[in-house]
Each structure stands twice: as C-alpha cells, then as structure tokens.
Amino acid sequence: MTTELSGDPGFSGETLTLTVDGHIGEIVLTRPDLLNRFDEDVHHEFTKALHRVKATPEVRAVVLGSTGKVFSAGGDFDFMRKGHDDLGFILHHEQVGRDLLLSLVDLPLPIVSAVQGPAIGLGATIALACDCIVAARTAVLADPHVEVGLAAGDGGCLVWPLALGPARAKRFLLTGDRLSAEDAYQFGLVTDLVDTPEEALPAARALAAKMAALPPLAVQGTKMALRNVMKARAAEVVDLAFAYEIRSAGSDDLLEAIDAFKGRRPGTYEGR
C-alpha cells in the first residue's frame, strides 16, 4: 500500500513529494520549471521530509529523485543578490542550509539518489551526500560556487573530498568545472551508472529495495557507523565553510560574477 504524504497538513508538498511504499520512502523534487533549485521553500520541505522518513518506523531505505531534465540547478541569482544586500537574510539562510545538510548527514537510513540530469551546486551536494548515487551517463555534476564569487559553504567542502579524495575534490571545487557522470563513475563519485535519464530512478529504487530487504538492524547499524565518518568531517569543515560563504556573499566580486555570467563575458575581480 502506498501512502501519499504530500497532502498532510504538516507537509505542504509544494516543492517535492514524499511517499512511503512498504519499507521504501521516496522523496521526489517536483519543480522542473524552476530546475528544482534549492530555494528557501525546498530547504524547509526537504528537511521536513527527512525528519518524516526518519520518524516512520516501517521505512528502511530512502530514494531521492527528481523530475524534468535537471536534477537540481542549486541556488538562484536573485537569492544571492538579496544575501549580498542583507546580512540578516544571509545569516538566517545559512542556518536553514546548515539544518538541511546536517539532517541529511544524520539520517540513520540508507539513502540512494537518482541523478537523471545536471546536479549543480547544492543540488550536487545533496546528491553526493547520499550513500549511493545512481546517475545517467548524460548527467553532469558541478559545484560552481567559486564561479559566482562564493566560497563553497553549503556542503561542497564536506562531500566532494569524501567522495573523490582531497586532490581531485580541490581540482573541481577550486575551478567550478563540470564533471560528467561517466568520469564521476570512473573516479568513484557515482556508484551506479545507467544509460538513460529514464533508468536512473528505477535503478535507485531497485538498489534501495535490496537494502530494505536485508536485516534492518544490520543495515542501519552499518549506516550509522559510516555516517559518523561524515559527521566527524562535518564538525571540522561545515562551520568554517559557511563562515567563508557568508563573507564572500557580501563581496563586490559576487555582483560582478553574476553580471559577468549573465552577460556571457569574463569577470574582473578585485578580491573585495
């Protein structure tokens, strides 16, 4: 029996849906017209969804999917501009982002992401923070914070080094370069590769179902031991990375980077 939770009074479901089918919880981003970007609304709903599956005793594994051609395009420029002009706004959203990231890190259930299309910025962070990453060959992953004048503060400095190792992680975090899913698979960033976008979600479901069919105390005990590695790294990295992101959000270089991107021209940066 499938239980639709998006209509629950405590869960608006305007940016995603959460369903529970047997022992599988499934979270699906549902705003393809906005490229499933992680704005304030989806931050809150995604965090609520994680708390919901964590508190649902029958759930033994979780799938994270998306709709449309893009898994998630990350943030948006209007949000960045507002953060530049309003310190209170950016401090508030830094806490919201921290809550989202740490809720995902703390999840005691195995979670599998299905990356059917580009996963950019926070979208890539969320996908890579999952335990297994199924990706279509045509997908790309990138954390282009530096390209828009921001330090990679929302989790990129946590998840990329854990998945890629520090040398390759620095190569991509310090340039913002895109990484194809095929290369990501070769590097170990992606765990399972499928040929088409349409195959990503079914493959993720099958992998989650395999985990859910195993003895739950064994699976969850293993997951909770493994998550402590990421939690320990989060304690070392996350606060500092967010602090540098806040600092960079108020810089003139941020505005120049946004204007340069929109104007399709090289930026001129002064480090302030």
C-alpha atoms as a PDB file:
ATOM      1  CA  MET A   1       0.000   0.000   0.000  1.00  0.00           C
ATOM      2  CA  THR A   2       1.327   3.446  -0.950  1.00  0.00           C
ATOM      3  CA  THR A   3       0.660   6.342   1.425  1.00  0.00           C
ATOM      4  CA  GLU A   4       0.779   9.835  -0.107  1.00  0.00           C
ATOM      5  CA  LEU A   5       2.170  12.233   2.481  1.00  0.00           C
ATOM      6  CA  SER A   6       2.410  15.458   0.493  1.00  0.00           C
ATOM      7  CA  GLY A   7      -1.196  16.375   1.383  1.00  0.00           C
ATOM      8  CA  ASP A   8      -0.616  16.031   5.129  1.00  0.00           C
ATOM      9  CA  PRO A   9      -1.421  19.282   7.000  1.00  0.00           C
ATOM     10  CA  GLY A  10       2.113  19.352   8.361  1.00  0.00           C
ATOM     11  CA  PHE A  11       3.722  18.900   4.968  1.00  0.00           C
ATOM     12  CA  SER A  12       2.767  21.222   2.127  1.00  0.00           C
ATOM     13  CA  GLY A  13       4.476  19.391  -0.699  1.00  0.00           C
ATOM     14  CA  GLU A  14       4.770  22.486  -2.916  1.00  0.00           C
ATOM     15  CA  THR A  15       8.331  21.668  -3.989  1.00  0.00           C
ATOM     16  CA  LEU A  16       8.526  17.899  -3.543  1.00  0.00           C
ATOM     17  CA  THR A  17       6.536  14.791  -2.774  1.00  0.00           C
ATOM     18  CA  LEU A  18       7.183  12.212  -0.110  1.00  0.00           C
ATOM     19  CA  THR A  19       5.659   8.742  -0.399  1.00  0.00           C
ATOM     20  CA  VAL A  20       6.085   5.564   1.586  1.00  0.00           C
ATOM     21  CA  ASP A  21       5.629   2.249  -0.195  1.00  0.00           C
ATOM     22  CA  GLY A  22       6.272  -0.706   2.073  1.00  0.00           C
ATOM     23  CA  HIS A  23       9.748  -0.237   3.511  1.00  0.00           C
ATOM     24  CA  ILE A  24      10.829   2.422   0.995  1.00  0.00           C
ATOM     25  CA  GLY A  25      10.467   6.164   1.482  1.00  0.00           C
ATOM     26  CA  GLU A  26      10.747   8.200  -1.712  1.00  0.00           C
ATOM     27  CA  ILE A  27      11.409  11.943  -1.925  1.00  0.00           C
ATOM     28  CA  VAL A  28      10.999  13.497  -5.370  1.00  0.00           C
ATOM     29  CA  LEU A  29      11.720  17.118  -6.293  1.00  0.00           C
ATOM     30  CA  THR A  30       8.770  18.389  -8.337  1.00  0.00           C
ATOM     31  CA  ARG A  31       9.579  21.833  -9.749  1.00  0.00           C
ATOM     32  CA  PRO A  32      11.155  21.133 -13.145  1.00  0.00           C
ATOM     33  CA  ASP A  33      10.035  24.578 -14.364  1.00  0.00           C
ATOM     34  CA  LEU A  34      12.427  26.089 -11.775  1.00  0.00           C
ATOM     35  CA  LEU A  35      15.081  23.433 -12.459  1.00  0.00           C
ATOM     36  CA  ASN A  36      14.392  22.030  -8.966  1.00  0.00           C
ATOM     37  CA  ARG A  37      16.591  24.698  -7.430  1.00  0.00           C
ATOM     38  CA  PHE A  38      17.130  24.711  -3.673  1.00  0.00           C
ATOM     39  CA  ASP A  39      15.470  27.937  -2.535  1.00  0.00           C
ATOM     40  CA  GLU A  40      14.024  28.557   0.938  1.00  0.00           C
ATOM     41  CA  ASP A  41      10.817  26.614   0.268  1.00  0.00           C
ATOM     42  CA  VAL A  42      12.578  23.428  -0.794  1.00  0.00           C
ATOM     43  CA  HIS A  43      15.104  23.780   2.046  1.00  0.00           C
ATOM     44  CA  HIS A  44      12.279  23.604   4.583  1.00  0.00           C
ATOM     45  CA  GLU A  45      10.305  20.882   2.820  1.00  0.00           C
ATOM     46  CA  PHE A  46      13.323  18.686   2.190  1.00  0.00           C
ATOM     47  CA  THR A  47      14.331  18.912   5.836  1.00  0.00           C
ATOM     48  CA  LYS A  48      10.770  18.051   6.884  1.00  0.00           C
ATOM     49  CA  ALA A  49      10.767  15.075   4.533  1.00  0.00           C
ATOM     50  CA  LEU A  50      13.990  13.755   6.039  1.00  0.00           C
ATOM     51  CA  HIS A  51      12.563  14.078   9.547  1.00  0.00           C
ATOM     52  CA  ARG A  52       9.375  12.340   8.404  1.00  0.00           C
ATOM     53  CA  VAL A  53      11.095   9.258   6.982  1.00  0.00           C
ATOM     54  CA  LYS A  54      13.393   9.106   9.999  1.00  0.00           C
ATOM     55  CA  ALA A  55      10.328   9.029  12.268  1.00  0.00           C
ATOM     56  CA  THR A  56       8.435   6.422  10.212  1.00  0.00           C
ATOM     57  CA  PRO A  57       9.268   3.014  11.743  1.00  0.00           C
ATOM     58  CA  GLU A  58       8.449   0.948   8.657  1.00  0.00           C
ATOM     59  CA  VAL A  59      10.877   2.842   6.399  1.00  0.00           C
ATOM     60  CA  ARG A  60      14.169   1.003   5.965  1.00  0.00           C
ATOM     61  CA  ALA A  61      15.649   2.796   2.938  1.00  0.00           C
ATOM     62  CA  VAL A  62      15.095   6.082   1.135  1.00  0.00           C
ATOM     63  CA  VAL A  63      15.210   7.119  -2.520  1.00  0.00           C
ATOM     64  CA  LEU A  64      15.833  10.702  -3.629  1.00  0.00           C
ATOM     65  CA  GLY A  65      14.725  11.535  -7.159  1.00  0.00           C
ATOM     66  CA  SER A  66      13.787  14.484  -9.302  1.00  0.00           C
ATOM     67  CA  THR A  67      11.568  15.461 -12.215  1.00  0.00           C
ATOM     68  CA  GLY A  68      12.348  17.027 -15.569  1.00  0.00           C
ATOM     69  CA  LYS A  69      15.693  17.266 -17.327  1.00  0.00           C
ATOM     70  CA  VAL A  70      17.644  18.717 -14.365  1.00  0.00           C
ATOM     71  CA  PHE A  71      18.175  17.004 -11.015  1.00  0.00           C
ATOM     72  CA  SER A  72      18.775  20.386  -9.375  1.00  0.00           C
ATOM     73  CA  ALA A  73      20.342  23.624 -10.543  1.00  0.00           C
ATOM     74  CA  GLY A  74      21.305  24.621  -6.995  1.00  0.00           C
ATOM     75  CA  GLY A  75      20.625  28.230  -5.977  1.00  0.00           C
ATOM     76  CA  ASP A  76      19.463  31.283  -7.936  1.00  0.00           C
ATOM     77  CA  PHE A  77      20.922  34.726  -8.581  1.00  0.00           C
ATOM     78  CA  ASP A  78      18.069  36.734  -7.004  1.00  0.00           C
ATOM     79  CA  PHE A  79      18.666  34.850  -3.765  1.00  0.00           C
ATOM     80  CA  MET A  80      22.395  35.625  -3.962  1.00  0.00           C
ATOM     81  CA  ARG A  81      21.822  39.320  -4.613  1.00  0.00           C
ATOM     82  CA  LYS A  82      19.455  39.574  -1.676  1.00  0.00           C
ATOM     83  CA  GLY A  83      22.015  37.873   0.552  1.00  0.00           C
ATOM     84  CA  HIS A  84      24.640  40.369  -0.596  1.00  0.00           C
ATOM     85  CA  ASP A  85      22.480  43.304   0.482  1.00  0.00           C
ATOM     86  CA  ASP A  86      21.000  41.886   3.687  1.00  0.00           C
ATOM     87  CA  LEU A  87      23.268  40.304   6.308  1.00  0.00           C
ATOM     88  CA  GLY A  88      20.310  39.172   8.424  1.00  0.00           C
ATOM     89  CA  PHE A  89      18.854  37.393   5.404  1.00  0.00           C
ATOM     90  CA  ILE A  90      22.049  35.510   4.638  1.00  0.00           C
ATOM     91  CA  LEU A  91      22.627  34.584   8.301  1.00  0.00           C
ATOM     92  CA  HIS A  92      19.106  33.186   8.533  1.00  0.00           C
ATOM     93  CA  HIS A  93      19.531  31.137   5.386  1.00  0.00           C
ATOM     94  CA  GLU A  94      22.933  29.930   6.447  1.00  0.00           C
ATOM     95  CA  GLN A  95      21.226  28.321   9.438  1.00  0.00           C
ATOM     96  CA  VAL A  96      18.474  26.891   7.231  1.00  0.00           C
ATOM     97  CA  GLY A  97      21.120  25.427   4.923  1.00  0.00           C
ATOM     98  CA  ARG A  98      23.068  24.016   7.840  1.00  0.00           C
ATOM     99  CA  ASP A  99      19.923  22.337   9.194  1.00  0.00           C
ATOM    100  CA  LEU A 100      19.230  20.742   5.817  1.00  0.00           C
ATOM    101  CA  LEU A 101      22.774  19.467   5.369  1.00  0.00           C
ATOM    102  CA  LEU A 102      23.123  18.083   8.883  1.00  0.00           C
ATOM    103  CA  SER A 103      19.686  16.448   8.738  1.00  0.00           C
ATOM    104  CA  LEU A 104      20.844  14.557   5.667  1.00  0.00           C
ATOM    105  CA  VAL A 105      24.192  13.665   7.232  1.00  0.00           C
ATOM    106  CA  ASP A 106      22.433  12.442  10.387  1.00  0.00           C
ATOM    107  CA  LEU A 107      19.872  10.233   8.620  1.00  0.00           C
ATOM    108  CA  PRO A 108      20.175   6.702  10.096  1.00  0.00           C
ATOM    109  CA  LEU A 109      18.631   5.084   6.997  1.00  0.00           C
ATOM    110  CA  PRO A 110      20.456   4.309   3.748  1.00  0.00           C
ATOM    111  CA  ILE A 111      19.546   6.805   1.024  1.00  0.00           C
ATOM    112  CA  VAL A 112      20.059   6.437  -2.718  1.00  0.00           C
ATOM    113  CA  SER A 113      19.972   9.416  -5.089  1.00  0.00           C
ATOM    114  CA  ALA A 114      18.809   9.122  -8.705  1.00  0.00           C
ATOM    115  CA  VAL A 115      20.603  11.779 -10.763  1.00  0.00           C
ATOM    116  CA  GLN A 116      18.839  11.870 -14.118  1.00  0.00           C
ATOM    117  CA  GLY A 117      20.262  15.226 -15.202  1.00  0.00           C
ATOM    118  CA  PRO A 118      22.625  18.019 -14.146  1.00  0.00           C
ATOM    119  CA  ALA A 119      23.229  18.305 -10.391  1.00  0.00           C
ATOM    120  CA  ILE A 120      24.752  21.716  -9.729  1.00  0.00           C
ATOM    121  CA  GLY A 121      25.901  23.474  -6.553  1.00  0.00           C
ATOM    122  CA  LEU A 122      23.756  22.494  -3.592  1.00  0.00           C
ATOM    123  CA  GLY A 123      21.995  20.053  -5.915  1.00  0.00           C
ATOM    124  CA  ALA A 124      25.279  18.189  -6.329  1.00  0.00           C
ATOM    125  CA  THR A 125      25.978  18.373  -2.593  1.00  0.00           C
ATOM    126  CA  ILE A 126      22.615  16.798  -1.762  1.00  0.00           C
ATOM    127  CA  ALA A 127      23.072  14.033  -4.325  1.00  0.00           C
ATOM    128  CA  LEU A 128      26.626  13.272  -3.221  1.00  0.00           C
ATOM    129  CA  ALA A 129      25.730  13.259   0.488  1.00  0.00           C
ATOM    130  CA  CYS A 130      23.582  10.199  -0.181  1.00  0.00           C
ATOM    131  CA  ASP A 131      25.010   6.732   0.414  1.00  0.00           C
ATOM    132  CA  CYS A 132      24.730   5.581  -3.195  1.00  0.00           C
ATOM    133  CA  ILE A 133      24.476   7.733  -6.311  1.00  0.00           C
ATOM    134  CA  VAL A 134      22.823   6.372  -9.443  1.00  0.00           C
ATOM    135  CA  ALA A 135      23.416   8.654 -12.437  1.00  0.00           C
ATOM    136  CA  ALA A 136      22.569   8.715 -16.122  1.00  0.00           C
ATOM    137  CA  ARG A 137      25.569   8.825 -18.469  1.00  0.00           C
ATOM    138  CA  THR A 138      24.394  12.177 -19.805  1.00  0.00           C
ATOM    139  CA  ALA A 139      24.251  13.819 -16.369  1.00  0.00           C
ATOM    140  CA  VAL A 140      26.884  16.224 -15.072  1.00  0.00           C
ATOM    141  CA  LEU A 141      27.872  17.260 -11.550  1.00  0.00           C
ATOM    142  CA  ALA A 142      29.481  20.516 -10.515  1.00  0.00           C
ATOM    143  CA  ASP A 143      29.924  22.891  -7.609  1.00  0.00           C
ATOM    144  CA  PRO A 144      30.379  26.284  -9.308  1.00  0.00           C
ATOM    145  CA  HIS A 145      30.302  28.412  -6.153  1.00  0.00           C
ATOM    146  CA  VAL A 146      33.652  29.999  -6.977  1.00  0.00           C
ATOM    147  CA  GLU A 147      32.428  30.958 -10.445  1.00  0.00           C
ATOM    148  CA  VAL A 148      29.775  33.201  -8.900  1.00  0.00           C
ATOM    149  CA  GLY A 149      32.001  34.653  -6.198  1.00  0.00           C
ATOM    150  CA  LEU A 150      31.027  32.384  -3.308  1.00  0.00           C
ATOM    151  CA  ALA A 151      33.060  30.061  -1.135  1.00  0.00           C
ATOM    152  CA  ALA A 152      31.692  26.520  -1.304  1.00  0.00           C
ATOM    153  CA  GLY A 153      29.996  26.716   2.068  1.00  0.00           C
ATOM    154  CA  ASP A 154      26.805  24.678   1.773  1.00  0.00           C
ATOM    155  CA  GLY A 155      28.443  21.265   1.953  1.00  0.00           C
ATOM    156  CA  GLY A 156      30.668  21.022  -1.107  1.00  0.00           C
ATOM    157  CA  CYS A 157      33.832  21.138   1.017  1.00  0.00           C
ATOM    158  CA  LEU A 158      32.396  18.231   3.004  1.00  0.00           C
ATOM    159  CA  VAL A 159      31.050  15.796   0.423  1.00  0.00           C
ATOM    160  CA  TRP A 160      33.392  16.205  -2.547  1.00  0.00           C
ATOM    161  CA  PRO A 161      36.628  15.317  -0.667  1.00  0.00           C
ATOM    162  CA  LEU A 162      34.939  12.344   1.000  1.00  0.00           C
ATOM    163  CA  ALA A 163      33.760  11.033  -2.376  1.00  0.00           C
ATOM    164  CA  LEU A 164      36.707  11.972  -4.594  1.00  0.00           C
ATOM    165  CA  GLY A 165      39.659  12.299  -2.277  1.00  0.00           C
ATOM    166  CA  PRO A 166      41.181  15.709  -1.494  1.00  0.00           C
ATOM    167  CA  ALA A 167      43.291  16.185  -4.636  1.00  0.00           C
ATOM    168  CA  ARG A 168      40.509  15.664  -7.196  1.00  0.00           C
ATOM    169  CA  ALA A 169      37.980  17.447  -4.979  1.00  0.00           C
ATOM    170  CA  LYS A 170      40.170  20.553  -4.893  1.00  0.00           C
ATOM    171  CA  ARG A 171      40.562  20.327  -8.670  1.00  0.00           C
ATOM    172  CA  PHE A 172      36.807  20.697  -9.159  1.00  0.00           C
ATOM    173  CA  LEU A 173      35.838  22.866  -6.174  1.00  0.00           C
ATOM    174  CA  LEU A 174      38.518  25.478  -6.922  1.00  0.00           C
ATOM    175  CA  THR A 175      37.557  25.774 -10.594  1.00  0.00           C
ATOM    176  CA  GLY A 176      33.837  25.030 -10.648  1.00  0.00           C
ATOM    177  CA  ASP A 177      34.427  22.756 -13.643  1.00  0.00           C
ATOM    178  CA  ARG A 178      31.756  20.273 -14.643  1.00  0.00           C
ATOM    179  CA  LEU A 179      32.315  16.557 -14.188  1.00  0.00           C
ATOM    180  CA  SER A 180      30.498  14.156 -16.479  1.00  0.00           C
ATOM    181  CA  ALA A 181      28.679  11.264 -14.856  1.00  0.00           C
ATOM    182  CA  GLU A 182      30.878   8.821 -16.778  1.00  0.00           C
ATOM    183  CA  ASP A 183      34.044  10.407 -15.374  1.00  0.00           C
ATOM    184  CA  ALA A 184      32.419  10.626 -11.937  1.00  0.00           C
ATOM    185  CA  TYR A 185      31.740   6.906 -12.119  1.00  0.00           C
ATOM    186  CA  GLN A 186      35.356   6.196 -13.022  1.00  0.00           C
ATOM    187  CA  PHE A 187      36.516   8.394 -10.123  1.00  0.00           C
ATOM    188  CA  GLY A 188      34.165   6.715  -7.642  1.00  0.00           C
ATOM    189  CA  LEU A 189      31.936   9.746  -7.132  1.00  0.00           C
ATOM    190  CA  VAL A 190      28.978   7.949  -8.761  1.00  0.00           C
ATOM    191  CA  THR A 191      28.335   4.386  -7.582  1.00  0.00           C
ATOM    192  CA  ASP A 192      25.982   3.156 -10.326  1.00  0.00           C
ATOM    193  CA  LEU A 193      25.786   4.304 -13.947  1.00  0.00           C
ATOM    194  CA  VAL A 194      22.758   3.861 -16.230  1.00  0.00           C
ATOM    195  CA  ASP A 195      22.432   4.634 -19.909  1.00  0.00           C
ATOM    196  CA  THR A 196      19.424   6.981 -19.958  1.00  0.00           C
ATOM    197  CA  PRO A 197      17.795   9.525 -17.622  1.00  0.00           C
ATOM    198  CA  GLU A 198      14.663   7.400 -17.501  1.00  0.00           C
ATOM    199  CA  GLU A 199      16.597   4.492 -15.975  1.00  0.00           C
ATOM    200  CA  ALA A 200      18.029   6.434 -13.027  1.00  0.00           C
ATOM    201  CA  LEU A 201      15.020   6.392 -10.696  1.00  0.00           C
ATOM    202  CA  PRO A 202      14.059   2.725 -11.296  1.00  0.00           C
ATOM    203  CA  ALA A 203      17.689   1.697 -10.698  1.00  0.00           C
ATOM    204  CA  ALA A 204      17.790   3.716  -7.468  1.00  0.00           C
ATOM    205  CA  ARG A 205      14.539   2.122  -6.344  1.00  0.00           C
ATOM    206  CA  ALA A 206      15.917  -1.358  -7.027  1.00  0.00           C
ATOM    207  CA  LEU A 207      19.060  -0.610  -5.033  1.00  0.00           C
ATOM    208  CA  ALA A 208      17.053   0.801  -2.116  1.00  0.00           C
ATOM    209  CA  ALA A 209      14.745  -2.226  -2.231  1.00  0.00           C
ATOM    210  CA  LYS A 210      17.752  -4.548  -1.983  1.00  0.00           C
ATOM    211  CA  MET A 211      18.905  -2.717   1.147  1.00  0.00           C
ATOM    212  CA  ALA A 212      15.402  -2.671   2.626  1.00  0.00           C
ATOM    213  CA  ALA A 213      15.074  -6.430   2.155  1.00  0.00           C
ATOM    214  CA  LEU A 214      18.138  -7.142   4.303  1.00  0.00           C
ATOM    215  CA  PRO A 215      18.071  -7.408   8.127  1.00  0.00           C
ATOM    216  CA  PRO A 216      17.329  -3.816   9.195  1.00  0.00           C
ATOM    217  CA  LEU A 217      19.418  -3.797  12.369  1.00  0.00           C
ATOM    218  CA  ALA A 218      22.448  -4.851  10.351  1.00  0.00           C
ATOM    219  CA  VAL A 219      21.897  -2.311   7.586  1.00  0.00           C
ATOM    220  CA  GLN A 220      21.091   0.578   9.903  1.00  0.00           C
ATOM    221  CA  GLY A 221      23.919  -0.269  12.270  1.00  0.00           C
ATOM    222  CA  THR A 222      26.340  -0.216   9.362  1.00  0.00           C
ATOM    223  CA  LYS A 223      24.875   3.045   8.068  1.00  0.00           C
ATOM    224  CA  MET A 224      25.090   4.702  11.494  1.00  0.00           C
ATOM    225  CA  ALA A 225      28.722   3.666  11.882  1.00  0.00           C
ATOM    226  CA  LEU A 226      29.518   5.013   8.409  1.00  0.00           C
ATOM    227  CA  ARG A 227      27.647   8.268   8.975  1.00  0.00           C
ATOM    228  CA  ASN A 228      29.928   9.033  11.916  1.00  0.00           C
ATOM    229  CA  VAL A 229      32.782   9.458   9.441  1.00  0.00           C
ATOM    230  CA  MET A 230      30.857  12.204   7.662  1.00  0.00           C
ATOM    231  CA  LYS A 231      29.623  13.685  10.951  1.00  0.00           C
ATOM    232  CA  ALA A 232      33.207  13.932  12.199  1.00  0.00           C
ATOM    233  CA  ARG A 233      34.299  15.641   8.984  1.00  0.00           C
ATOM    234  CA  ALA A 234      31.248  17.917   9.163  1.00  0.00           C
ATOM    235  CA  ALA A 235      32.314  19.064  12.629  1.00  0.00           C
ATOM    236  CA  GLU A 236      35.704  20.011  11.188  1.00  0.00           C
ATOM    237  CA  VAL A 237      34.578  21.673   7.962  1.00  0.00           C
ATOM    238  CA  VAL A 238      30.969  22.881   7.852  1.00  0.00           C
ATOM    239  CA  ASP A 239      31.047  25.857  10.243  1.00  0.00           C
ATOM    240  CA  LEU A 240      34.186  27.301   8.670  1.00  0.00           C
ATOM    241  CA  ALA A 241      32.935  26.779   5.123  1.00  0.00           C
ATOM    242  CA  PHE A 242      29.634  28.511   5.892  1.00  0.00           C
ATOM    243  CA  ALA A 243      31.521  31.390   7.540  1.00  0.00           C
ATOM    244  CA  TYR A 244      33.603  31.935   4.414  1.00  0.00           C
ATOM    245  CA  GLU A 245      30.494  31.689   2.236  1.00  0.00           C
ATOM    246  CA  ILE A 246      28.817  34.427   4.312  1.00  0.00           C
ATOM    247  CA  ARG A 247      31.923  36.581   3.995  1.00  0.00           C
ATOM    248  CA  SER A 248      32.059  36.119   0.224  1.00  0.00           C
ATOM    249  CA  ALA A 249      28.302  36.730  -0.131  1.00  0.00           C
ATOM    250  CA  GLY A 250      28.840  40.369   0.846  1.00  0.00           C
ATOM    251  CA  SER A 251      31.637  40.987  -1.647  1.00  0.00           C
ATOM    252  CA  ASP A 252      31.586  43.198  -4.740  1.00  0.00           C
ATOM    253  CA  ASP A 253      33.052  40.244  -6.621  1.00  0.00           C
ATOM    254  CA  LEU A 254      29.776  38.364  -6.152  1.00  0.00           C
ATOM    255  CA  LEU A 255      27.830  41.042  -8.016  1.00  0.00           C
ATOM    256  CA  GLU A 256      30.472  41.220 -10.724  1.00  0.00           C
ATOM    257  CA  ALA A 257      30.431  37.439 -11.139  1.00  0.00           C
ATOM    258  CA  ILE A 258      26.645  37.391 -11.535  1.00  0.00           C
ATOM    259  CA  ASP A 259      26.721  40.246 -14.066  1.00  0.00           C
ATOM    260  CA  ALA A 260      29.562  38.579 -15.964  1.00  0.00           C
ATOM    261  CA  PHE A 261      27.707  35.275 -16.095  1.00  0.00           C
ATOM    262  CA  LYS A 262      24.521  36.898 -17.338  1.00  0.00           C
ATOM    263  CA  GLY A 263      26.447  38.986 -19.865  1.00  0.00           C
ATOM    264  CA  ARG A 264      28.474  35.997 -21.054  1.00  0.00           C
ATOM    265  CA  ARG A 265      31.737  37.864 -20.506  1.00  0.00           C
ATOM    266  CA  PRO A 266      34.850  37.358 -18.380  1.00  0.00           C
ATOM    267  CA  GLY A 267      34.618  38.891 -14.919  1.00  0.00           C
ATOM    268  CA  THR A 268      37.016  41.421 -13.448  1.00  0.00           C
ATOM    269  CA  TYR A 269      37.608  40.721  -9.771  1.00  0.00           C
ATOM    270  CA  GLU A 270      39.304  42.734  -7.045  1.00  0.00           C
ATOM    271  CA  GLY A 271      39.073  40.443  -4.021  1.00  0.00           C
ATOM    272  CA  ARG A 272      36.652  42.615  -2.087  1.00  0.00           C
END
